[in-house]
Protein backbone atom coordinates (compact mmCIF):
# COMPACT_ATOMS: atom_id res chain seq x y z
CA MET A 1 47.53 -0.66 30.23
CA THR A 2 46.22 -1.79 33.61
CA PHE A 3 42.54 -1.72 34.58
CA LEU A 4 40.39 -1.81 37.69
CA VAL A 5 36.81 -3.09 37.54
CA VAL A 6 34.56 -2.20 40.48
CA GLN A 7 31.58 -4.51 41.00
CA THR A 8 30.20 -4.71 44.54
CA SER A 9 26.58 -5.56 43.75
CA PHE A 10 24.66 -8.87 43.63
CA ILE A 11 25.87 -12.30 42.55
CA GLY A 12 24.17 -12.09 39.17
CA ASP A 13 25.72 -8.69 38.48
CA MET A 14 29.19 -10.12 39.10
CA VAL A 15 28.53 -12.95 36.66
CA LEU A 16 27.31 -10.50 34.02
CA THR A 17 30.44 -8.39 34.49
CA THR A 18 32.72 -11.18 33.22
CA PRO A 19 32.36 -10.18 29.52
CA LEU A 20 33.61 -6.68 30.41
CA ILE A 21 36.55 -8.21 32.31
CA ALA A 22 37.39 -10.50 29.39
CA GLU A 23 37.28 -7.58 26.94
CA LEU A 24 39.62 -5.48 29.07
CA ALA A 25 42.00 -8.43 29.57
CA ARG A 26 42.65 -8.39 25.82
CA ARG A 27 44.35 -5.02 26.38
CA GLY A 28 46.12 -5.48 29.69
CA PRO A 29 45.97 -6.82 33.27
CA VAL A 30 42.63 -6.53 35.07
CA ASP A 31 42.09 -6.32 38.83
CA VAL A 32 38.56 -6.57 40.23
CA LEU A 33 37.35 -4.84 43.39
CA THR A 34 34.40 -6.81 44.74
CA THR A 35 32.88 -8.29 47.90
CA PRO A 36 33.76 -11.48 49.81
CA ILE A 37 30.44 -12.95 48.63
CA THR A 38 30.98 -12.51 44.89
CA GLY A 39 34.78 -12.59 44.76
CA PRO A 40 35.00 -16.43 44.73
CA LEU A 41 33.08 -16.44 41.43
CA LEU A 42 36.25 -15.14 39.75
CA ALA A 43 38.45 -18.04 40.87
CA ASN A 44 40.35 -19.65 37.96
CA ASN A 45 39.22 -16.87 35.59
CA PRO A 46 42.12 -16.35 33.15
CA ALA A 47 41.06 -12.74 32.51
CA VAL A 48 41.51 -11.69 36.16
CA ARG A 49 44.94 -10.81 37.51
CA ARG A 50 43.91 -10.04 41.08
CA VAL A 51 40.69 -10.04 43.12
CA ILE A 52 40.57 -7.26 45.72
CA LEU A 53 37.99 -7.85 48.45
CA TYR A 54 36.00 -4.96 49.89
CA ASP A 55 33.82 -6.14 52.76
CA LYS A 56 31.37 -3.25 52.62
CA ARG A 57 28.90 -4.85 55.07
CA GLY A 58 31.49 -6.25 57.45
CA ALA A 59 35.07 -5.30 58.31
CA ASP A 60 35.13 -2.41 55.82
CA ARG A 61 31.75 -0.94 56.74
CA GLY A 62 31.41 2.84 56.89
CA PRO A 63 33.66 5.69 55.74
CA VAL A 64 36.68 4.52 57.75
CA GLY A 65 36.41 0.99 56.39
CA LEU A 66 36.07 2.32 52.85
CA TRP A 67 39.18 4.45 53.25
CA ARG A 68 41.11 1.55 54.80
CA ALA A 69 40.16 -0.84 51.97
CA ALA A 70 41.13 1.70 49.30
CA ARG A 71 44.39 2.48 51.06
CA SER A 72 45.36 -1.20 51.24
CA THR A 73 44.67 -1.49 47.50
CA ARG A 74 46.95 1.45 46.76
CA GLU A 75 49.74 -0.35 48.62
CA LEU A 76 49.62 -3.35 46.27
CA PHE A 77 52.50 -3.83 43.87
CA ASP A 78 52.46 -4.74 40.20
CA GLU A 79 53.58 -8.32 39.62
CA GLY A 80 57.33 -8.53 39.15
CA SER A 81 57.74 -4.85 39.98
CA LYS A 82 58.74 -2.76 42.96
CA HIS A 83 56.30 -0.04 41.92
CA PRO A 84 52.84 0.37 43.49
CA VAL A 85 49.98 -0.70 41.29
CA GLY A 86 48.57 2.06 39.12
CA TYR A 87 45.46 1.94 36.95
CA ASP A 88 45.01 3.58 33.59
CA ALA A 89 41.24 3.31 33.96
CA ALA A 90 38.66 2.24 36.52
CA TYR A 91 35.36 0.83 35.23
CA LEU A 92 32.38 1.31 37.52
CA ALA A 93 30.22 -1.75 36.82
CA GLN A 94 28.35 -0.91 40.03
CA GLY A 95 27.09 2.64 40.00
CA SER A 96 26.70 3.69 43.64
CA ILE A 97 28.37 6.77 45.04
CA ARG A 98 30.25 4.51 47.47
CA SER A 99 31.78 2.51 44.60
CA ALA A 100 32.76 5.73 42.83
CA ILE A 101 34.45 7.02 45.99
CA ALA A 102 36.27 3.69 46.40
CA ALA A 103 37.59 3.92 42.83
CA ARG A 104 38.68 7.52 43.39
CA LEU A 105 40.49 6.60 46.60
CA VAL A 106 42.29 3.74 44.85
CA GLY A 107 43.26 6.07 42.01
CA ALA A 108 43.19 5.87 38.22
CA GLU A 109 43.76 8.08 35.19
CA GLU A 110 40.17 7.70 34.04
CA TYR A 111 36.84 6.69 35.63
CA VAL A 112 34.20 5.19 33.36
CA GLY A 113 30.56 4.51 34.25
CA PHE A 114 26.95 4.85 33.19
CA SER A 115 25.01 8.09 32.80
CA THR A 116 22.28 6.77 35.14
CA SER A 117 24.61 5.93 38.02
CA ALA A 118 24.43 7.76 41.34
CA GLY A 119 28.21 8.12 41.31
CA ARG A 120 28.40 9.68 37.83
CA VAL A 121 29.48 13.05 39.22
CA LEU A 122 32.82 11.41 40.04
CA TYR A 123 33.33 9.86 36.59
CA THR A 124 35.58 11.34 33.92
CA ARG A 125 33.75 9.51 31.15
CA VAL A 126 29.99 8.89 31.20
CA ILE A 127 28.54 6.19 28.93
CA PRO A 128 24.83 6.01 27.95
CA TYR A 129 22.85 3.30 29.72
CA ARG A 130 21.03 1.41 26.97
CA GLU A 131 17.68 0.15 28.27
CA ASP A 132 17.24 -1.92 25.10
CA LYS A 133 20.35 -4.06 25.69
CA HIS A 134 21.02 -7.03 27.92
CA HIS A 135 22.95 -6.01 31.03
CA ALA A 136 25.93 -8.17 30.04
CA GLU A 137 26.19 -6.14 26.82
CA ARG A 138 25.61 -2.88 28.69
CA LEU A 139 28.54 -3.64 30.97
CA TRP A 140 30.70 -4.83 28.08
CA SER A 141 29.99 -1.52 26.33
CA LEU A 142 31.82 0.39 29.06
CA ALA A 143 35.04 -0.81 27.44
CA THR A 144 33.86 -0.52 23.83
CA TRP A 145 31.78 2.68 23.75
CA ASN A 146 33.95 4.26 21.03
CA GLU A 147 34.30 1.19 18.81
CA PRO A 148 32.17 0.55 15.70
CA SER A 149 29.14 -1.69 16.17
CA ALA A 150 30.66 -4.18 13.75
CA ALA A 151 33.25 -4.98 16.43
CA ARG A 152 30.55 -6.44 18.66
CA PRO A 153 30.99 -10.23 18.98
CA PRO A 154 27.98 -12.31 17.88
CA ASN A 155 27.40 -13.68 21.39
CA ILE A 156 28.16 -11.78 24.56
CA ARG A 157 27.82 -14.36 27.28
CA PRO A 158 29.35 -14.52 30.78
CA ALA A 159 31.88 -17.18 31.71
CA LEU A 160 32.76 -18.97 34.95
CA TYR A 161 35.55 -21.46 35.60
CA PRO A 162 34.81 -24.13 38.23
CA GLY A 163 37.98 -25.94 39.27
CA GLU A 164 38.97 -29.31 40.66
CA LYS A 165 37.58 -28.45 44.09
CA GLU A 166 34.14 -27.74 42.65
CA ARG A 167 34.21 -30.86 40.47
CA GLU A 168 35.03 -33.02 43.47
CA ALA A 169 32.26 -31.41 45.54
CA VAL A 170 29.69 -32.16 42.84
CA ASP A 171 31.06 -35.70 42.42
CA ASP A 172 30.52 -36.25 46.14
CA LEU A 173 27.03 -34.78 45.98
CA LEU A 174 26.01 -37.03 43.11
CA GLY A 175 27.74 -40.10 44.53
CA LEU A 176 30.35 -40.30 41.81
CA ALA A 177 33.49 -40.16 43.95
CA SER A 178 33.53 -43.92 44.56
CA SER A 179 33.43 -44.76 40.87
CA LYS A 180 37.10 -45.69 40.49
CA SER A 181 36.82 -47.24 37.05
CA THR A 182 35.45 -44.12 35.38
CA PRO A 183 38.03 -41.93 33.60
CA ARG A 184 38.30 -38.32 34.66
CA GLY A 185 36.29 -36.02 32.43
CA SER A 186 33.34 -38.35 31.82
CA HIS A 187 31.22 -37.14 34.76
CA GLN A 188 28.33 -35.95 32.60
CA SER A 189 27.30 -39.50 31.69
CA LEU A 190 27.41 -40.57 35.33
CA VAL A 191 24.80 -38.19 36.77
CA THR A 192 22.63 -41.29 37.09
CA SER A 193 22.70 -44.63 35.39
CA HIS A 194 19.74 -43.90 33.12
CA GLN A 195 18.43 -40.36 33.49
CA SER A 196 19.51 -36.81 32.72
CA LEU A 197 19.75 -34.19 35.46
CA VAL A 198 17.38 -31.22 35.79
CA VAL A 199 18.31 -28.62 38.39
CA LEU A 200 15.69 -26.47 40.12
CA ALA A 201 16.50 -23.06 41.64
CA PRO A 202 13.40 -22.01 43.62
CA GLY A 203 14.97 -19.17 45.61
CA SER A 204 15.11 -15.40 45.18
CA THR A 205 15.90 -12.43 47.38
CA TRP A 206 12.57 -10.93 46.29
CA ALA A 207 9.52 -12.84 47.58
CA THR A 208 7.21 -12.10 44.66
CA LYS A 209 9.75 -13.59 42.23
CA ARG A 210 9.51 -17.05 43.84
CA TRP A 211 7.30 -19.22 41.65
CA PRO A 212 5.11 -21.34 44.00
CA TYR A 213 4.88 -24.62 42.04
CA PHE A 214 8.38 -26.10 42.18
CA ALA A 215 7.10 -29.10 44.15
CA ASP A 216 4.52 -29.86 41.46
CA LEU A 217 7.19 -29.46 38.81
CA ALA A 218 9.57 -31.82 40.62
CA ARG A 219 6.82 -34.44 40.82
CA ILE A 220 6.19 -34.20 37.07
CA LEU A 221 9.87 -34.28 36.10
CA ALA A 222 10.94 -37.06 38.47
CA SER A 223 9.50 -39.78 36.25
CA ARG A 224 11.97 -38.93 33.50
CA PHE A 225 14.81 -36.95 35.06
CA THR A 226 17.01 -36.90 38.12
CA VAL A 227 15.96 -33.74 39.95
CA ALA A 228 18.24 -31.58 42.12
CA ILE A 229 17.58 -28.37 44.06
CA ILE A 230 20.24 -25.69 44.52
CA GLY A 231 20.32 -22.67 46.78
CA SER A 232 22.04 -21.10 49.74
CA GLU A 233 21.98 -22.36 53.30
CA ALA A 234 19.17 -19.88 53.99
CA GLU A 235 17.00 -21.72 51.44
CA GLN A 236 17.27 -25.16 53.03
CA VAL A 237 13.91 -24.86 54.81
CA ALA A 238 12.16 -23.99 51.55
CA ALA A 239 13.91 -26.87 49.78
CA ARG A 240 12.80 -29.29 52.50
CA ALA A 241 9.22 -28.13 52.07
CA ILE A 242 9.43 -28.73 48.31
CA ARG A 243 10.83 -32.22 48.85
CA ASN A 244 8.12 -33.10 51.36
CA GLU A 245 5.32 -31.79 49.16
CA ALA A 246 6.67 -33.41 45.98
CA ALA A 247 7.12 -36.79 47.73
CA VAL A 248 9.65 -37.93 45.11
CA GLU A 249 13.40 -38.46 45.26
CA ILE A 250 15.22 -35.12 44.97
CA CYS A 251 18.93 -34.41 45.38
CA ASP A 252 19.05 -31.47 47.79
CA ALA A 253 22.19 -29.37 47.22
CA THR A 254 21.04 -26.29 49.17
CA GLY A 255 23.81 -25.06 51.44
CA ARG A 256 26.18 -27.80 50.25
CA LEU A 257 27.94 -26.13 47.33
CA SER A 258 29.84 -22.90 46.80
CA LEU A 259 28.72 -20.53 44.06
CA LEU A 260 31.23 -22.06 41.65
CA GLY A 261 30.16 -25.50 42.86
CA SER A 262 26.57 -24.63 41.98
CA ALA A 263 27.80 -23.50 38.56
CA GLU A 264 29.54 -26.85 38.13
CA LEU A 265 26.35 -28.74 39.00
CA ILE A 266 24.33 -26.57 36.63
CA GLY A 267 26.94 -27.17 33.94
CA ARG A 268 26.30 -30.91 34.13
CA ALA A 269 22.53 -30.56 33.87
CA ALA A 270 20.32 -31.12 30.86
CA ALA A 271 18.35 -28.05 31.97
CA LEU A 272 17.88 -25.53 34.77
CA VAL A 273 14.52 -24.17 35.91
CA THR A 274 14.96 -20.94 37.82
CA ASN A 275 13.27 -17.77 38.95
CA ASP A 276 14.63 -14.40 37.84
CA SER A 277 17.58 -14.81 40.18
CA ALA A 278 21.33 -15.51 40.32
CA PRO A 279 21.19 -19.17 39.14
CA LEU A 280 19.78 -17.92 35.84
CA HIS A 281 23.08 -16.12 35.22
CA LEU A 282 25.16 -19.08 36.44
CA ALA A 283 23.39 -21.13 33.75
CA SER A 284 24.14 -18.47 31.14
CA ALA A 285 27.82 -18.67 32.07
CA MET A 286 27.80 -22.48 31.82
CA ASN A 287 25.62 -22.40 28.67
CA THR A 288 23.09 -24.77 30.24
CA PRO A 289 19.61 -24.87 28.67
CA THR A 290 17.46 -22.62 30.85
CA VAL A 291 13.78 -22.23 31.61
CA ALA A 292 13.44 -18.86 33.37
CA VAL A 293 10.24 -18.03 35.25
CA PHE A 294 9.42 -14.31 35.19
CA GLY A 295 6.56 -12.84 37.22
CA PRO A 296 6.68 -9.18 38.33
CA THR A 297 9.79 -8.57 36.20
CA VAL A 298 10.43 -9.16 32.49
CA PRO A 299 13.52 -10.12 30.43
CA ALA A 300 13.29 -6.76 28.67
CA PHE A 301 14.88 -5.19 31.75
CA GLY A 302 18.10 -6.80 30.51
CA PHE A 303 18.52 -9.78 32.82
CA GLY A 304 17.08 -12.66 30.80
CA PRO A 305 18.81 -15.97 30.02
CA LEU A 306 21.76 -15.99 27.61
CA ALA A 307 22.27 -19.73 27.21
CA SER A 308 22.17 -20.89 23.60
CA ARG A 309 18.93 -22.73 24.33
CA ASN A 310 16.47 -21.04 26.64
CA ALA A 311 12.78 -20.46 27.22
CA VAL A 312 10.94 -17.86 29.30
CA ALA A 313 7.77 -18.67 31.23
CA GLY A 314 5.73 -15.51 31.76
CA LEU A 315 2.20 -14.19 31.31
CA ASP A 316 2.63 -11.47 28.71
CA SER A 317 -1.13 -10.91 28.58
CA LEU A 318 -1.28 -9.44 32.11
CA ALA A 319 -1.64 -5.68 31.88
CA CYS A 320 -0.02 -5.20 35.31
CA ARG A 321 3.31 -6.73 34.21
CA PRO A 322 5.95 -5.61 34.85
CA CYS A 323 5.21 -3.94 38.16
CA HIS A 324 8.71 -3.51 39.59
CA ARG A 325 12.37 -3.44 38.53
CA HIS A 326 13.38 -6.05 41.12
CA GLY A 327 10.18 -7.54 42.49
CA PRO A 328 8.05 -5.96 45.24
CA ARG A 329 7.62 -7.52 48.68
CA ARG A 330 3.98 -8.27 47.81
CA CYS A 331 1.76 -7.97 44.77
CA PRO A 332 0.51 -4.35 44.49
CA LEU A 333 -2.91 -5.64 43.37
CA GLY A 334 -3.07 -8.54 45.81
CA HIS A 335 -3.66 -11.35 43.28
CA TRP A 336 -0.06 -12.33 42.26
CA ARG A 337 -1.49 -13.82 39.06
CA CYS A 338 1.83 -13.35 37.25
CA MET A 339 3.07 -16.36 39.23
CA ARG A 340 -0.09 -18.16 40.37
CA ASP A 341 -1.38 -18.54 36.80
CA LEU A 342 1.85 -20.13 35.53
CA SER A 343 1.18 -23.86 35.84
CA ALA A 344 3.72 -26.59 36.54
CA ASP A 345 2.50 -28.45 33.45
CA HIS A 346 3.38 -25.45 31.28
CA VAL A 347 6.89 -25.13 32.72
CA ALA A 348 7.46 -28.90 32.49
CA ALA A 349 6.52 -28.76 28.80
CA LEU A 350 9.14 -26.05 28.26
CA VAL A 351 11.75 -28.28 29.92
CA GLU A 352 10.78 -31.19 27.68
CA GLU A 353 11.10 -28.99 24.58
CA LEU A 354 14.55 -27.74 25.57
CA VAL A 355 15.88 -31.19 26.41
CA ALA A 356 14.41 -32.70 23.25
């Protein structure tokens, strides 16, 4: 059987789709329709046969672009065959009507998605959306809805596969490239000569999910750990402000690494401290100990850390939490206590516990 997975949402959603992809790959080849932003996350993934890029906000914008992208996919050929690719089933990991139309235009025998999705009218099989499950397990269940619960693996965790290019980029960032005498594969011990690495991820698309005390945290941690900041190029200004306020040595990786490069850096760290944002899921995929800071959102929504060792910083006593599924632009009550009352000392203590 041959499968198509459609996931055109955020970075974290693509990471959390990898267990579904791996499950399907046990049964046959898997192609993934995704965006140019998230597609590179699937590089080197042994479960993925082909990544099909759909630039929904660029070259393929609008109905004509959608039709053109689907048409080009239908003209692909199966490997080693003169026959056009055909899919036994398409799995709608992203539930918009646009994604459903894209899958229909590409063509498959069956279309599988969640009962809560906007595009469900175009599905041939609708699967219940379990609010009580982590989203990685929810997505995985699209392929296993009719299997007994005993078949569920003990740990459903995403997986990413940084390659040589990402390893070299992180080596350069950490100043390891010039170490000629060190055998390949022993990078972890070379992060610094005497300290472990803690990575900070202070960014988020949603303003109210950005914890305001990363500079204080960096100052506390710098006495014991090497501290690095990751983020996109758009987050370089915020990273510079954190470095200036902390007034300690920080390795600034914002805008310098690809998504898989960031995963590689996280994979070498003793711990990651992150908001409820994409780096949290990168850490889950690399199984890096994670301290996740939750303010207006809560892990019960299904997007908490999945690393074997993790801790959540959040004020469960606040009656106004959670106030939003994603994080509002501003606090509805004006006080933003869910973040302001979470101290740097508290988060630093969680890091110490995880590392210990």
